[in-house]
Structure formats: C-alpha cells, structure tokens
C-alpha cells in the first residue's frame, strides 16, 4: 500500500531529524563559552586591595567613638579631622594601612618612657582587627573593617596625643598652686593631619619629638630614678618624723641621702712621681 509506505517513511525521517537536532542542542549546552568556568560553585577570591576605599560620614564617626567611653571626649577632634578630609579614610591608602598606624602603636608601647601608662591607650584590640582585615572574605567585609579600624586609630591617637602634648596634671587645680603652667593650645586634629602627611609643619611635634631640651633631661632623670628604684630605692625615714632647722637627729643623714642620693665614690688619689721614667744621658 503506497499510502502506508509513504507515511512510515515520513515518520522515520522526522524521527531521525529530531534525534540529530536534540543531540546538537545537548552538545552545545554542555560546552563552556570562552572565559567561563565549568564549575559555577567555585569560591570567590579574598577581597584584596582592589576597588575604591569606603567613605565615612559624621553619623558613623559619632556612633563609633560614642560607643567607647575612652573615646567620647575626643569626638570634637575627630569630627574636625574627618570633616577636613571630606570623610575620606585617614589611615589607609589603596586599601592598605599606612606606616603611621604601626608607628603609633610602637610609640604607645613605649609610653612608660614618657611617664605614661601604655594600657590607658590600648583601648581597642587593633592587632586583632588588623588580622581580620587580612583575611576579609569580600569587599563588603573589608570595607566595614577599614571603617572600624580607621576610626579606632583616630580615637587612639587623640587619647594619646592629648596626654602627650598637654600632660595629665591639671594646671588649673586650685589645690595645687605649684602648677603655674599655661595649657597647651595645640589643635590635635591639625597635629593628626600633619602626622599622616596631609599638611606640613616646621616642627617635629607631630612625630612625638620634644621641642625643648629640658624635656629630654626630664626623661633622663625619670630613667635614673627607675634604675635606683629597681636597685632598692631610697632610705626609709621614721614615720611621723618632724625636723626643724638646726635640729640634730640620726635621721638627717638618711634624709640627706634620700634627697641627694648616695655620695659618689671619690676618685683615687694619685701620688706625684719623683723619679724620672728614663735615665739621664
């Protein structure tokens, strides 16, 4: 029957074409395009230093410093500092910490040389934040850490610089009339801008260098007192001792030694040589 043969032949031809087309479609779907990876679940690389740095705003600065009791008093300086920088980060360049960050922590670690307690200025665990920044999984985490670190470093700087430049004694204390010192009117936000290289200054104060030789003399005296303290300290005086001018007491010698220190050992006496070192001709 011609009709049946023709229908069967047509059906067979359609089936053959459909199989070929399906194979071609499956083959094209399984082929990667240039520049694409075969595995879509491949983990993204670490954030690194690519991309722009994040910006801050006044609300973030107030919120971050206000949450730390030791930093609250430094808010006016921080606001002025970031306002002059148009709220750009101060301690980062190209998403990397500037060298001044490490310098500041090293300076604070030696605060005892200035008669200050380093623990007062170690408010935030900056080393932990630095480590977290190195392994930030993406740019969002990296940017958040950069913002947190930047404000924490600024707060730390202002707490430290306030004590270093102005001292920790109150010159206006009415109970202590011995202090007749004018308060230092240094503008700490300007000092930080100079410290970070954003402005110039002919003075070395921004590097925590003393401006006067008397300050170095005080540091030397402090170091000498600490050496003496480690060697046993000063002679003890009787409790409730009262001495008046001209009065003799066994405690006078101890008092003299306590105030002036032990007497230096006199140099050995040299005898005058009366013999010639070589015979006369």
Protein backbone atom coordinates (compact mmCIF):
# COMPACT_ATOMS: atom_id res chain seq x y z
CA UNK A 1 0.00 0.00 0.00
CA UNK A 2 1.67 3.25 -1.14
CA UNK A 3 -0.04 5.42 1.44
CA UNK A 4 1.15 3.30 4.33
CA UNK A 5 4.71 3.12 2.96
CA UNK A 6 4.80 6.90 2.45
CA UNK A 7 3.51 7.60 6.00
CA UNK A 8 6.02 5.23 7.50
CA UNK A 9 8.87 6.79 5.53
CA UNK A 10 7.79 10.31 6.57
CA UNK A 11 7.56 9.30 10.25
CA UNK A 12 11.02 7.71 10.12
CA UNK A 13 12.54 10.81 8.52
CA UNK A 14 11.04 13.15 11.14
CA UNK A 15 12.29 10.91 13.96
CA UNK A 16 15.80 10.88 12.51
CA UNK A 17 15.92 14.67 12.15
CA UNK A 18 14.60 15.17 15.69
CA UNK A 19 17.27 12.93 17.17
CA UNK A 20 20.04 14.76 15.34
CA UNK A 21 18.73 18.17 16.42
CA UNK A 22 18.43 17.08 20.07
CA UNK A 23 21.98 15.76 20.10
CA UNK A 24 23.24 19.05 18.70
CA UNK A 25 21.37 21.05 21.34
CA UNK A 26 22.69 18.90 24.19
CA UNK A 27 26.21 19.19 22.82
CA UNK A 28 26.02 22.99 22.64
CA UNK A 29 24.59 23.27 26.17
CA UNK A 30 27.45 21.24 27.60
CA UNK A 31 30.18 23.38 26.02
CA UNK A 32 31.68 26.28 28.07
CA UNK A 33 31.97 29.65 26.42
CA UNK A 34 35.41 31.28 26.36
CA UNK A 35 36.20 32.95 29.70
CA UNK A 36 33.61 30.98 31.69
CA UNK A 37 34.38 28.32 34.28
CA UNK A 38 32.81 24.88 34.15
CA UNK A 39 32.06 24.89 37.87
CA UNK A 40 29.69 27.71 38.87
CA UNK A 41 30.24 26.99 42.59
CA UNK A 42 33.94 27.97 42.59
CA UNK A 43 34.70 30.11 45.69
CA UNK A 44 35.38 33.81 45.11
CA UNK A 45 38.91 35.08 45.93
CA UNK A 46 39.66 37.19 49.01
CA UNK A 47 38.84 40.89 48.87
CA UNK A 48 42.46 42.01 48.47
CA UNK A 49 43.16 45.67 47.75
CA UNK A 50 41.12 46.15 44.59
CA UNK A 51 38.24 48.59 44.37
CA UNK A 52 37.74 52.05 45.85
CA UNK A 53 38.11 52.77 49.54
CA UNK A 54 34.94 53.29 51.57
CA UNK A 55 33.95 56.70 52.88
CA UNK A 56 32.78 57.67 56.34
CA UNK A 57 30.10 60.11 57.44
CA UNK A 58 29.53 62.17 60.55
CA UNK A 59 26.89 59.78 61.88
CA UNK A 60 29.29 56.83 61.69
CA UNK A 61 32.08 58.75 63.46
CA UNK A 62 29.77 59.86 66.27
CA UNK A 63 28.31 56.39 66.67
CA UNK A 64 31.65 54.56 66.63
CA UNK A 65 33.51 56.87 69.04
CA UNK A 66 30.49 57.48 71.24
CA UNK A 67 30.19 53.74 71.87
CA UNK A 68 33.65 53.69 73.53
CA UNK A 69 33.79 55.64 76.83
CA UNK A 70 37.51 56.40 76.45
CA UNK A 71 36.91 57.96 73.02
CA UNK A 72 33.88 60.13 73.74
CA UNK A 73 35.87 63.17 74.86
CA UNK A 74 37.77 63.09 71.55
CA UNK A 75 34.67 63.44 69.36
CA UNK A 76 35.20 67.18 68.62
CA UNK A 77 38.72 66.49 67.35
CA UNK A 78 37.59 63.50 65.29
CA UNK A 79 34.76 65.45 63.69
CA UNK A 80 37.13 68.25 62.69
CA UNK A 81 39.68 65.79 61.37
CA UNK A 82 37.28 63.85 59.14
CA UNK A 83 35.46 66.99 58.05
CA UNK A 84 38.71 68.42 56.68
CA UNK A 85 39.32 65.13 54.88
CA UNK A 86 35.77 65.16 53.48
CA UNK A 87 35.24 61.93 55.42
CA UNK A 88 37.86 60.01 53.49
CA UNK A 89 39.77 57.38 55.46
CA UNK A 90 42.92 58.76 57.06
CA UNK A 91 44.87 55.62 57.92
CA UNK A 92 44.50 53.75 54.61
CA UNK A 93 45.87 54.27 51.13
CA UNK A 94 44.75 52.00 48.30
CA UNK A 95 43.04 49.78 50.89
CA UNK A 96 46.29 49.26 52.80
CA UNK A 97 47.29 50.63 56.20
CA UNK A 98 49.78 53.48 56.06
CA UNK A 99 53.07 53.06 58.01
CA UNK A 100 51.96 55.63 60.61
CA UNK A 101 49.50 53.08 62.01
CA UNK A 102 52.30 50.77 63.10
CA UNK A 103 54.41 53.72 64.25
CA UNK A 104 51.62 54.92 66.53
CA UNK A 105 51.27 51.52 68.19
CA UNK A 106 55.04 51.28 68.68
CA UNK A 107 55.10 54.75 70.25
CA UNK A 108 52.28 53.86 72.63
CA UNK A 109 54.04 50.63 73.62
CA UNK A 110 56.90 52.82 74.95
CA UNK A 111 54.62 55.27 76.77
CA UNK A 112 56.27 54.46 80.09
CA UNK A 113 59.37 56.32 78.86
CA UNK A 114 57.23 59.46 78.91
CA UNK A 115 55.88 58.73 82.39
CA UNK A 116 52.56 57.47 80.99
CA UNK A 117 50.78 54.12 81.24
CA UNK A 118 50.56 52.29 77.88
CA UNK A 119 47.45 50.38 78.99
CA UNK A 120 45.42 53.58 79.02
CA UNK A 121 45.82 53.94 75.26
CA UNK A 122 45.32 50.30 74.27
CA UNK A 123 41.56 50.75 74.09
CA UNK A 124 40.73 48.66 71.02
CA UNK A 125 42.38 45.37 70.08
CA UNK A 126 43.84 46.79 66.89
CA UNK A 127 46.12 43.80 66.26
CA UNK A 128 43.05 41.56 66.13
CA UNK A 129 41.32 43.93 63.72
CA UNK A 130 44.42 44.04 61.51
CA UNK A 131 44.45 40.23 61.33
CA UNK A 132 40.76 40.10 60.45
CA UNK A 133 41.33 42.63 57.67
CA UNK A 134 43.98 40.44 56.04
CA UNK A 135 41.51 37.56 55.61
CA UNK A 136 38.38 39.57 54.78
CA UNK A 137 36.32 37.27 52.50
CA UNK A 138 34.89 40.01 50.30
CA UNK A 139 34.88 43.75 49.68
CA UNK A 140 31.88 44.36 51.93
CA UNK A 141 33.63 42.86 54.97
CA UNK A 142 36.88 44.58 54.04
CA UNK A 143 35.22 48.00 53.76
CA UNK A 144 33.46 47.57 57.11
CA UNK A 145 36.74 46.63 58.81
CA UNK A 146 38.59 49.55 57.21
CA UNK A 147 35.99 51.97 58.55
CA UNK A 148 36.14 50.46 62.04
CA UNK A 149 39.94 50.42 62.12
CA UNK A 150 40.27 53.97 60.79
CA UNK A 151 38.02 55.50 63.44
CA UNK A 152 39.62 53.37 66.18
CA UNK A 153 43.10 54.54 65.20
CA UNK A 154 41.98 58.17 65.19
CA UNK A 155 40.39 57.78 68.63
CA UNK A 156 43.55 56.12 69.94
CA UNK A 157 45.70 58.91 68.52
CA UNK A 158 43.63 61.66 70.12
CA UNK A 159 43.62 59.99 73.56
CA UNK A 160 47.39 59.51 73.41
CA UNK A 161 48.23 62.89 71.90
CA UNK A 162 46.06 64.73 74.42
CA UNK A 163 48.11 63.35 77.31
CA UNK A 164 51.44 63.58 75.49
CA UNK A 165 51.10 67.19 74.40
CA UNK A 166 49.09 68.56 77.32
CA UNK A 167 50.13 66.34 80.22
CA UNK A 168 47.92 64.55 82.71
CA UNK A 169 48.11 67.14 85.52
CA UNK A 170 45.57 69.92 85.68
CA UNK A 171 47.35 73.31 85.73
CA UNK A 172 44.13 74.98 86.90
CA UNK A 173 43.81 72.83 90.02
CA UNK A 174 43.22 75.36 92.80
CA UNK A 175 44.51 72.88 95.38
CA UNK A 176 47.89 72.71 93.71
CA UNK A 177 49.35 76.20 93.48
CA UNK A 178 52.73 74.84 92.36
CA UNK A 179 51.38 74.45 88.83
CA UNK A 180 51.76 77.75 87.04
CA UNK A 181 51.75 76.35 83.52
CA UNK A 182 49.73 77.65 80.61
CA UNK A 183 47.72 74.89 78.96
CA UNK A 184 48.95 73.77 75.55
CA UNK A 185 46.61 75.09 72.88
CA UNK A 186 47.69 72.61 70.22
CA UNK A 187 44.97 71.67 67.75
CA UNK A 188 45.00 67.91 67.79
CA UNK A 189 43.15 67.44 64.50
CA UNK A 190 45.81 69.56 62.79
CA UNK A 191 48.51 67.50 64.50
CA UNK A 192 46.96 64.29 63.18
CA UNK A 193 46.70 65.71 59.67
CA UNK A 194 50.40 66.54 59.88
CA UNK A 195 51.26 63.14 61.34
CA UNK A 196 49.57 61.44 58.39
CA UNK A 197 51.31 63.71 55.87
CA UNK A 198 48.25 65.75 54.85
CA UNK A 199 49.85 69.04 55.90
CA UNK A 200 53.34 70.41 56.53
CA UNK A 201 54.92 71.75 59.71
CA UNK A 202 58.37 73.07 60.54
CA UNK A 203 58.17 71.48 64.00
CA UNK A 204 58.77 67.85 64.85
CA UNK A 205 55.98 67.71 67.42
CA UNK A 206 53.75 65.66 65.16
CA UNK A 207 56.31 62.82 65.33
CA UNK A 208 56.12 62.96 69.15
CA UNK A 209 59.55 64.56 69.30
CA UNK A 210 60.17 67.02 72.17
CA UNK A 211 60.66 70.64 71.20
CA UNK A 212 62.80 71.58 74.21
CA UNK A 213 66.00 70.01 75.62
CA UNK A 214 64.56 70.27 79.14
CA UNK A 215 62.06 67.56 78.23
CA UNK A 216 64.85 65.16 77.34
CA UNK A 217 66.54 65.99 80.65
CA UNK A 218 63.35 65.08 82.48
CA UNK A 219 63.19 61.76 80.64
CA UNK A 220 66.78 61.01 81.63
CA UNK A 221 66.02 61.85 85.26
CA UNK A 222 62.96 59.58 85.19
CA UNK A 223 65.06 56.73 83.80
CA UNK A 224 67.67 57.28 86.54
CA UNK A 225 65.00 57.22 89.26
CA UNK A 226 63.64 53.96 87.90
CA UNK A 227 67.10 52.41 87.92
CA UNK A 228 67.53 53.47 91.52
CA UNK A 229 64.11 52.12 92.43
CA UNK A 230 65.00 48.76 90.89
CA UNK A 231 68.25 48.73 92.89
CA UNK A 232 66.44 49.02 96.22
CA UNK A 233 65.02 52.50 96.28
CA UNK A 234 65.60 55.20 98.89
CA UNK A 235 66.40 55.02 102.62
CA UNK A 236 63.29 54.77 104.77
CA UNK A 237 62.58 57.56 107.25
CA UNK A 238 60.84 57.10 110.61
CA UNK A 239 57.09 57.56 110.39
CA UNK A 240 55.88 60.89 111.79
CA UNK A 241 59.36 62.40 111.72
CA UNK A 242 59.41 66.17 112.37
CA UNK A 243 62.65 68.07 111.87
CA UNK A 244 63.21 71.77 112.46
CA UNK A 245 66.07 73.95 111.22
CA UNK A 246 69.19 73.46 113.34
CA UNK A 247 67.88 70.31 114.98
CA UNK A 248 70.18 67.29 115.09
CA UNK A 249 68.86 63.79 114.51
CA UNK A 250 70.15 60.45 113.24
CA UNK A 251 67.53 60.76 110.51
CA UNK A 252 69.29 63.79 108.99
CA UNK A 253 71.86 61.61 107.26
CA UNK A 254 69.14 59.34 105.87
CA UNK A 255 67.14 62.37 104.74
CA UNK A 256 70.19 63.83 103.01
CA UNK A 257 70.84 60.56 101.22
CA UNK A 258 67.20 60.28 100.25
CA UNK A 259 67.13 63.75 98.72
CA UNK A 260 70.60 63.91 97.18
CA UNK A 261 71.31 60.25 96.59
CA UNK A 262 74.36 58.32 97.65
CA UNK A 263 77.62 60.19 97.65
CA UNK A 264 79.76 59.39 94.64
CA UNK A 265 82.93 57.44 95.29
CA UNK A 266 85.87 59.87 95.26
CA UNK A 267 88.49 59.20 92.61
CA UNK A 268 91.71 57.54 93.78
CA UNK A 269 94.49 59.90 94.90
CA UNK A 270 97.44 59.90 92.54
CA UNK A 271 100.90 60.33 94.00
CA UNK A 272 103.30 62.64 92.27
CA UNK A 273 106.05 60.75 90.55
CA UNK A 274 109.50 61.96 91.69
CA UNK A 275 111.61 59.57 89.64
CA UNK A 276 112.46 60.00 86.01
CA UNK A 277 110.99 57.40 83.69
CA UNK A 278 114.36 57.01 81.95
CA UNK A 279 117.95 57.70 82.98
CA UNK A 280 119.56 60.95 82.03
CA UNK A 281 122.39 60.65 79.49
